[in-house]
PDB file of N, CA and C in Angstrom:
ATOM      1  N   MET A   1     -16.672  10.073  11.683  1.00  0.00           N
ATOM      2  CA  MET A   1     -15.433   9.571  11.811  1.00  0.00           C
ATOM      3  C   MET A   1     -15.148   9.606   9.921  1.00  0.00           C
ATOM      4  N   SER A   2     -14.437  10.469   9.740  1.00  0.00           N
ATOM      5  CA  SER A   2     -13.894  10.627   8.663  1.00  0.00           C
ATOM      6  C   SER A   2     -12.718   9.045   8.011  1.00  0.00           C
ATOM      7  N   ILE A   3     -13.255   8.611   6.866  1.00  0.00           N
ATOM      8  CA  ILE A   3     -12.092   7.561   6.113  1.00  0.00           C
ATOM      9  C   ILE A   3     -11.328   8.153   5.253  1.00  0.00           C
ATOM     10  N   ASN A   4     -10.090   8.406   5.278  1.00  0.00           N
ATOM     11  CA  ASN A   4      -9.254   8.644   4.297  1.00  0.00           C
ATOM     12  C   ASN A   4      -8.593   7.606   3.718  1.00  0.00           C
ATOM     13  N   LEU A   5      -8.806   7.069   2.519  1.00  0.00           N
ATOM     14  CA  LEU A   5      -7.862   6.107   2.037  1.00  0.00           C
ATOM     15  C   LEU A   5      -7.374   6.180   0.898  1.00  0.00           C
ATOM     16  N   HIS A   6      -6.750   7.586   0.619  1.00  0.00           N
ATOM     17  CA  HIS A   6      -5.965   7.950  -0.241  1.00  0.00           C
ATOM     18  C   HIS A   6      -4.282   7.530  -0.214  1.00  0.00           C
ATOM     19  N   ASN A   7      -3.874   7.002  -1.218  1.00  0.00           N
ATOM     20  CA  ASN A   7      -2.674   6.270  -1.472  1.00  0.00           C
ATOM     21  C   ASN A   7      -2.562   5.379  -0.425  1.00  0.00           C
ATOM     22  N   ARG A   8      -3.534   4.367  -0.401  1.00  0.00           N
ATOM     23  CA  ARG A   8      -3.702   3.669   0.364  1.00  0.00           C
ATOM     24  C   ARG A   8      -3.916   2.039  -0.973  1.00  0.00           C
ATOM     25  N   HIS A   9      -3.179   0.399  -0.164  1.00  0.00           N
ATOM     26  CA  HIS A   9      -3.380  -0.622  -1.227  1.00  0.00           C
ATOM     27  C   HIS A   9      -4.086  -1.504  -0.817  1.00  0.00           C
ATOM     28  N   PHE A  10      -4.581  -1.844  -1.664  1.00  0.00           N
ATOM     29  CA  PHE A  10      -5.996  -3.002  -0.977  1.00  0.00           C
ATOM     30  C   PHE A  10      -4.601  -4.776  -1.316  1.00  0.00           C
ATOM     31  N   LEU A  11      -4.000  -4.974  -0.208  1.00  0.00           N
ATOM     32  CA  LEU A  11      -3.161  -6.245  -0.622  1.00  0.00           C
ATOM     33  C   LEU A  11      -3.896  -7.382  -0.191  1.00  0.00           C
ATOM     34  N   LYS A  12      -4.172  -6.737   1.378  1.00  0.00           N
ATOM     35  CA  LYS A  12      -5.149  -8.102   2.356  1.00  0.00           C
ATOM     36  C   LYS A  12      -6.186  -7.226   3.081  1.00  0.00           C
ATOM     37  N   LEU A  13      -7.047  -8.207   3.337  1.00  0.00           N
ATOM     38  CA  LEU A  13      -7.930  -7.248   3.902  1.00  0.00           C
ATOM     39  C   LEU A  13      -7.730  -7.061   5.534  1.00  0.00           C
ATOM     40  N   LEU A  14      -6.748  -7.899   5.713  1.00  0.00           N
ATOM     41  CA  LEU A  14      -6.363  -7.410   7.479  1.00  0.00           C
ATOM     42  C   LEU A  14      -5.276  -6.359   7.408  1.00  0.00           C
ATOM     43  N   ASP A  15      -5.284  -6.250   6.373  1.00  0.00           N
ATOM     44  CA  ASP A  15      -4.738  -4.116   6.484  1.00  0.00           C
ATOM     45  C   ASP A  15      -5.781  -3.007   6.268  1.00  0.00           C
ATOM     46  N   PHE A  16      -6.755  -3.511   6.797  1.00  0.00           N
ATOM     47  CA  PHE A  16      -8.256  -2.528   6.829  1.00  0.00           C
ATOM     48  C   PHE A  16      -8.732  -2.589   8.128  1.00  0.00           C
ATOM     49  N   THR A  17      -9.371  -1.729   9.041  1.00  0.00           N
ATOM     50  CA  THR A  17     -10.297  -2.063  10.093  1.00  0.00           C
ATOM     51  C   THR A  17     -11.537  -1.824   9.122  1.00  0.00           C
ATOM     52  N   PRO A  18     -12.317  -2.738   9.903  1.00  0.00           N
ATOM     53  CA  PRO A  18     -13.948  -3.131  10.105  1.00  0.00           C
ATOM     54  C   PRO A  18     -14.329  -1.807   9.458  1.00  0.00           C
ATOM     55  N   ASP A  19     -14.648  -0.590   9.968  1.00  0.00           N
ATOM     56  CA  ASP A  19     -14.879   0.806   9.677  1.00  0.00           C
ATOM     57  C   ASP A  19     -14.746   0.748   8.110  1.00  0.00           C
ATOM     58  N   GLU A  20     -13.075   0.350   7.739  1.00  0.00           N
ATOM     59  CA  GLU A  20     -12.538   0.821   6.409  1.00  0.00           C
ATOM     60  C   GLU A  20     -13.479   0.026   4.994  1.00  0.00           C
ATOM     61  N   ILE A  21     -13.310  -1.103   5.899  1.00  0.00           N
ATOM     62  CA  ILE A  21     -14.121  -2.252   5.428  1.00  0.00           C
ATOM     63  C   ILE A  21     -15.727  -2.194   4.942  1.00  0.00           C
ATOM     64  N   THR A  22     -16.237  -1.415   5.879  1.00  0.00           N
ATOM     65  CA  THR A  22     -17.407  -1.287   5.714  1.00  0.00           C
ATOM     66  C   THR A  22     -17.843   0.268   4.595  1.00  0.00           C
ATOM     67  N   TYR A  23     -17.051   1.071   5.278  1.00  0.00           N
ATOM     68  CA  TYR A  23     -16.873   1.786   4.297  1.00  0.00           C
ATOM     69  C   TYR A  23     -16.852   1.908   2.358  1.00  0.00           C
ATOM     70  N   LEU A  24     -15.849   0.870   2.205  1.00  0.00           N
ATOM     71  CA  LEU A  24     -15.423   0.544   0.899  1.00  0.00           C
ATOM     72  C   LEU A  24     -16.349  -0.158   0.185  1.00  0.00           C
ATOM     73  N   LEU A  25     -17.160  -1.474   1.247  1.00  0.00           N
ATOM     74  CA  LEU A  25     -18.561  -2.055   0.492  1.00  0.00           C
ATOM     75  C   LEU A  25     -19.547  -1.026   0.273  1.00  0.00           C
ATOM     76  N   ASP A  26     -20.029  -0.094   1.266  1.00  0.00           N
ATOM     77  CA  ASP A  26     -21.037   0.933   0.766  1.00  0.00           C
ATOM     78  C   ASP A  26     -20.298   1.847  -0.430  1.00  0.00           C
ATOM     79  N   LEU A  27     -19.526   2.015  -0.293  1.00  0.00           N
ATOM     80  CA  LEU A  27     -18.872   2.829  -1.429  1.00  0.00           C
ATOM     81  C   LEU A  27     -19.155   1.626  -3.218  1.00  0.00           C
ATOM     82  N   ALA A  28     -18.724   0.835  -2.847  1.00  0.00           N
ATOM     83  CA  ALA A  28     -18.967  -0.134  -3.892  1.00  0.00           C
ATOM     84  C   ALA A  28     -20.423  -0.082  -4.628  1.00  0.00           C
ATOM     85  N   ALA A  29     -21.353   0.184  -3.530  1.00  0.00           N
ATOM     86  CA  ALA A  29     -22.576   0.026  -3.458  1.00  0.00           C
ATOM     87  C   ALA A  29     -23.244   1.046  -4.263  1.00  0.00           C
ATOM     88  N   LEU A  30     -22.707   1.908  -3.791  1.00  0.00           N
ATOM     89  CA  LEU A  30     -23.062   3.461  -4.305  1.00  0.00           C
ATOM     90  C   LEU A  30     -22.669   3.776  -6.140  1.00  0.00           C
ATOM     91  N   LEU A  31     -21.307   3.317  -5.961  1.00  0.00           N
ATOM     92  CA  LEU A  31     -20.786   2.796  -7.539  1.00  0.00           C
ATOM     93  C   LEU A  31     -22.033   2.501  -8.579  1.00  0.00           C
ATOM     94  N   LYS A  32     -22.219   0.649  -7.746  1.00  0.00           N
ATOM     95  CA  LYS A  32     -22.992  -0.177  -8.539  1.00  0.00           C
ATOM     96  C   LYS A  32     -24.848   0.923  -8.790  1.00  0.00           C
ATOM     97  N   GLU A  33     -25.186   1.131  -7.948  1.00  0.00           N
ATOM     98  CA  GLU A  33     -26.742   1.629  -8.037  1.00  0.00           C
ATOM     99  C   GLU A  33     -26.084   3.092  -9.155  1.00  0.00           C
ATOM    100  N   ALA A  34     -25.543   4.078  -8.616  1.00  0.00           N
ATOM    101  CA  ALA A  34     -24.449   5.220  -9.890  1.00  0.00           C
ATOM    102  C   ALA A  34     -25.058   4.688 -11.476  1.00  0.00           C
ATOM    103  N   LYS A  35     -23.897   3.548 -11.962  1.00  0.00           N
ATOM    104  CA  LYS A  35     -23.873   3.027 -13.047  1.00  0.00           C
ATOM    105  C   LYS A  35     -25.491   2.781 -13.434  1.00  0.00           C
ATOM    106  N   HIS A  36     -25.759   1.706 -12.760  1.00  0.00           N
ATOM    107  CA  HIS A  36     -27.408   1.426 -12.835  1.00  0.00           C
ATOM    108  C   HIS A  36     -28.419   2.610 -13.248  1.00  0.00           C
ATOM    109  N   ASN A  37     -27.982   3.485 -12.491  1.00  0.00           N
ATOM    110  CA  ASN A  37     -29.243   4.234 -12.676  1.00  0.00           C
ATOM    111  C   ASN A  37     -28.636   5.493 -13.754  1.00  0.00           C
ATOM    112  N   GLY A  38     -27.619   5.291 -14.496  1.00  0.00           N
ATOM    113  CA  GLY A  38     -26.968   6.183 -15.599  1.00  0.00           C
ATOM    114  C   GLY A  38     -26.227   7.375 -15.132  1.00  0.00           C
ATOM    115  N   THR A  39     -26.187   7.590 -13.469  1.00  0.00           N
ATOM    116  CA  THR A  39     -25.483   8.564 -13.316  1.00  0.00           C
ATOM    117  C   THR A  39     -24.044   8.974 -13.274  1.00  0.00           C
ATOM    118  N   GLU A  40     -23.566   7.511 -13.271  1.00  0.00           N
ATOM    119  CA  GLU A  40     -22.036   7.009 -13.486  1.00  0.00           C
ATOM    120  C   GLU A  40     -21.329   8.320 -13.171  1.00  0.00           C
ATOM    121  N   LYS A  41     -20.202   8.476 -12.581  1.00  0.00           N
ATOM    122  CA  LYS A  41     -18.990   9.583 -12.913  1.00  0.00           C
ATOM    123  C   LYS A  41     -17.862   9.053 -12.952  1.00  0.00           C
ATOM    124  N   GLN A  42     -17.422   9.088 -14.248  1.00  0.00           N
ATOM    125  CA  GLN A  42     -15.877   8.285 -14.691  1.00  0.00           C
ATOM    126  C   GLN A  42     -14.849   8.946 -13.780  1.00  0.00           C
ATOM    127  N   HIS A  43     -14.532   8.827 -12.907  1.00  0.00           N
ATOM    128  CA  HIS A  43     -13.484   9.033 -11.930  1.00  0.00           C
ATOM    129  C   HIS A  43     -12.271   8.575 -12.700  1.00  0.00           C
ATOM    130  N   LEU A  44     -12.198   7.766 -13.265  1.00  0.00           N
ATOM    131  CA  LEU A  44     -10.682   7.148 -13.650  1.00  0.00           C
ATOM    132  C   LEU A  44     -10.613   7.400 -15.153  1.00  0.00           C
ATOM    133  N   LYS A  45     -11.359   7.677 -15.993  1.00  0.00           N
ATOM    134  CA  LYS A  45     -11.070   8.017 -17.755  1.00  0.00           C
ATOM    135  C   LYS A  45      -9.989   8.778 -17.326  1.00  0.00           C
ATOM    136  N   GLY A  46      -9.321   8.413 -18.570  1.00  0.00           N
ATOM    137  CA  GLY A  46      -7.836   8.843 -18.954  1.00  0.00           C
ATOM    138  C   GLY A  46      -7.105   8.500 -17.784  1.00  0.00           C
ATOM    139  N   LYS A  47      -6.715   7.740 -16.719  1.00  0.00           N
ATOM    140  CA  LYS A  47      -6.124   7.475 -16.046  1.00  0.00           C
ATOM    141  C   LYS A  47      -5.333   5.983 -16.149  1.00  0.00           C
ATOM    142  N   THR A  48      -4.447   5.599 -16.107  1.00  0.00           N
ATOM    143  CA  THR A  48      -3.854   4.072 -15.899  1.00  0.00           C
ATOM    144  C   THR A  48      -3.854   3.290 -14.625  1.00  0.00           C
ATOM    145  N   LEU A  49      -4.548   2.394 -14.926  1.00  0.00           N
ATOM    146  CA  LEU A  49      -4.362   1.177 -13.495  1.00  0.00           C
ATOM    147  C   LEU A  49      -3.482   0.296 -14.051  1.00  0.00           C
ATOM    148  N   ARG A  50      -2.853  -0.330 -12.935  1.00  0.00           N
ATOM    149  CA  ARG A  50      -1.839  -1.420 -12.724  1.00  0.00           C
ATOM    150  C   ARG A  50      -1.985  -2.394 -12.052  1.00  0.00           C
ATOM    151  N   LEU A  51      -2.091  -3.585 -11.908  1.00  0.00           N
ATOM    152  CA  LEU A  51      -2.752  -4.650 -11.645  1.00  0.00           C
ATOM    153  C   LEU A  51      -1.223  -5.958 -11.762  1.00  0.00           C
ATOM    154  N   PHE A  52      -1.012  -5.962 -10.032  1.00  0.00           N
ATOM    155  CA  PHE A  52       0.202  -7.025 -10.078  1.00  0.00           C
ATOM    156  C   PHE A  52      -0.488  -8.118  -9.652  1.00  0.00           C
ATOM    157  N   LEU A  53      -0.313  -9.003 -10.486  1.00  0.00           N
ATOM    158  CA  LEU A  53      -0.614 -10.166 -10.087  1.00  0.00           C
ATOM    159  C   LEU A  53       0.665 -11.461  -8.963  1.00  0.00           C
ATOM    160  N   LYS A  54       0.576 -12.075  -9.017  1.00  0.00           N
ATOM    161  CA  LYS A  54       1.886 -13.180  -7.858  1.00  0.00           C
ATOM    162  C   LYS A  54       2.492 -14.176  -8.874  1.00  0.00           C
ATOM    163  N   LYS A  55       3.207 -14.418  -9.247  1.00  0.00           N
ATOM    164  CA  LYS A  55       3.605 -15.310 -10.160  1.00  0.00           C
ATOM    165  C   LYS A  55       2.831 -16.419 -10.452  1.00  0.00           C
ATOM    166  N   LEU A  56       2.677 -16.797  -8.995  1.00  0.00           N
ATOM    167  CA  LEU A  56       2.207 -18.413  -9.343  1.00  0.00           C
ATOM    168  C   LEU A  56       0.463 -18.043  -9.700  1.00  0.00           C
ATOM    169  N   GLN A  57      -0.351 -17.016  -9.209  1.00  0.00           N
ATOM    170  CA  GLN A  57      -1.328 -16.622  -9.670  1.00  0.00           C
ATOM    171  C   GLN A  57      -1.330 -16.917 -11.413  1.00  0.00           C
ATOM    172  N   GLN A  58      -0.401 -16.675 -12.050  1.00  0.00           N
ATOM    173  CA  GLN A  58      -0.149 -15.886 -13.572  1.00  0.00           C
ATOM    174  C   GLN A  58      -0.025 -17.243 -14.142  1.00  0.00           C
ATOM    175  N   GLU A  59       0.711 -18.078 -13.341  1.00  0.00           N
ATOM    176  CA  GLU A  59       0.972 -19.710 -13.704  1.00  0.00           C
ATOM    177  C   GLU A  59      -0.275 -20.433 -13.923  1.00  0.00           C
ATOM    178  N   ARG A  60      -1.208 -19.942 -12.793  1.00  0.00           N
ATOM    179  CA  ARG A  60      -2.172 -20.759 -12.707  1.00  0.00           C
ATOM    180  C   ARG A  60      -3.441 -20.459 -13.865  1.00  0.00           C
ATOM    181  N   VAL A  61      -3.229 -19.305 -14.226  1.00  0.00           N
ATOM    182  CA  VAL A  61      -4.089 -18.491 -15.198  1.00  0.00           C
ATOM    183  C   VAL A  61      -3.466 -19.240 -16.352  1.00  0.00           C
ATOM    184  N   ALA A  62      -2.313 -19.179 -16.886  1.00  0.00           N
ATOM    185  CA  ALA A  62      -1.525 -19.599 -18.394  1.00  0.00           C
ATOM    186  C   ALA A  62      -1.999 -21.131 -18.204  1.00  0.00           C
ATOM    187  N   LEU A  63      -2.421 -22.144 -17.198  1.00  0.00           N
ATOM    188  CA  LEU A  63      -2.403 -23.777 -17.255  1.00  0.00           C
ATOM    189  C   LEU A  63      -4.084 -23.484 -17.476  1.00  0.00           C
ATOM    190  N   LEU A  64      -4.423 -22.855 -16.712  1.00  0.00           N
ATOM    191  CA  LEU A  64      -5.857 -22.897 -17.457  1.00  0.00           C
ATOM    192  C   LEU A  64      -6.480 -22.454 -18.871  1.00  0.00           C
ATOM    193  N   LYS A  65      -5.655 -21.350 -19.005  1.00  0.00           N
ATOM    194  CA  LYS A  65      -5.896 -21.080 -20.496  1.00  0.00           C
ATOM    195  C   LYS A  65      -5.539 -22.509 -21.381  1.00  0.00           C
ATOM    196  N   LEU A  66      -3.983 -22.999 -21.242  1.00  0.00           N
ATOM    197  CA  LEU A  66      -3.814 -23.923 -21.908  1.00  0.00           C
ATOM    198  C   LEU A  66      -4.699 -25.643 -21.734  1.00  0.00           C
ATOM    199  N   GLN A  67      -5.522 -25.625 -20.319  1.00  0.00           N
ATOM    200  CA  GLN A  67      -5.869 -26.720 -20.487  1.00  0.00           C
ATOM    201  C   GLN A  67      -7.506 -26.538 -21.273  1.00  0.00           C
ATOM    202  N   LEU A  68      -8.105 -25.287 -21.243  1.00  0.00           N
ATOM    203  CA  LEU A  68      -9.072 -24.779 -22.551  1.00  0.00           C
ATOM    204  C   LEU A  68      -8.906 -24.973 -23.525  1.00  0.00           C
ATOM    205  N   MET A  69      -7.836 -24.386 -24.003  1.00  0.00           N
ATOM    206  CA  MET A  69      -7.338 -24.270 -25.349  1.00  0.00           C
ATOM    207  C   MET A  69      -7.011 -26.073 -25.974  1.00  0.00           C
ATOM    208  N   THR A  70      -7.133 -26.873 -25.423  1.00  0.00           N
ATOM    209  CA  THR A  70      -6.509 -28.413 -24.972  1.00  0.00           C
ATOM    210  C   THR A  70      -7.912 -29.214 -25.401  1.00  0.00           C
ATOM    211  N   LYS A  71      -9.075 -28.548 -24.642  1.00  0.00           N
ATOM    212  CA  LYS A  71     -10.600 -29.264 -24.520  1.00  0.00           C
ATOM    213  C   LYS A  71     -10.699 -28.809 -25.723  1.00  0.00           C
ATOM    214  N   GLU A  72     -10.779 -27.851 -26.439  1.00  0.00           N
ATOM    215  CA  GLU A  72     -11.410 -26.891 -27.608  1.00  0.00           C
ATOM    216  C   GLU A  72     -10.783 -28.006 -28.865  1.00  0.00           C
ATOM    217  N   LEU A  73      -9.502 -28.004 -29.023  1.00  0.00           N
ATOM    218  CA  LEU A  73      -9.152 -28.958 -29.635  1.00  0.00           C
ATOM    219  C   LEU A  73      -9.403 -30.331 -29.742  1.00  0.00           C
ATOM    220  N   MET A  74     -10.103 -30.776 -28.839  1.00  0.00           N
ATOM    221  CA  MET A  74     -10.512 -32.415 -28.893  1.00  0.00           C
ATOM    222  C   MET A  74     -11.811 -32.740 -29.366  1.00  0.00           C
TER     223      MET A  74
END
């Protein structure tokens, strides 16, 4: 069975079948091993990635940064 994830977005785990999740985990392990062995191919070199966070997550990050800054000043 061939798994094609082209133009798919990983928004939530329920969007993928168990076979697709297994494929992604196996791929991640292969990429990590290639990086460790020095045989990594730069597939995303020169490309732009975008990451969209929910507003609530951004607010949590901002609050955490503020808390850390406050502790550093004390």
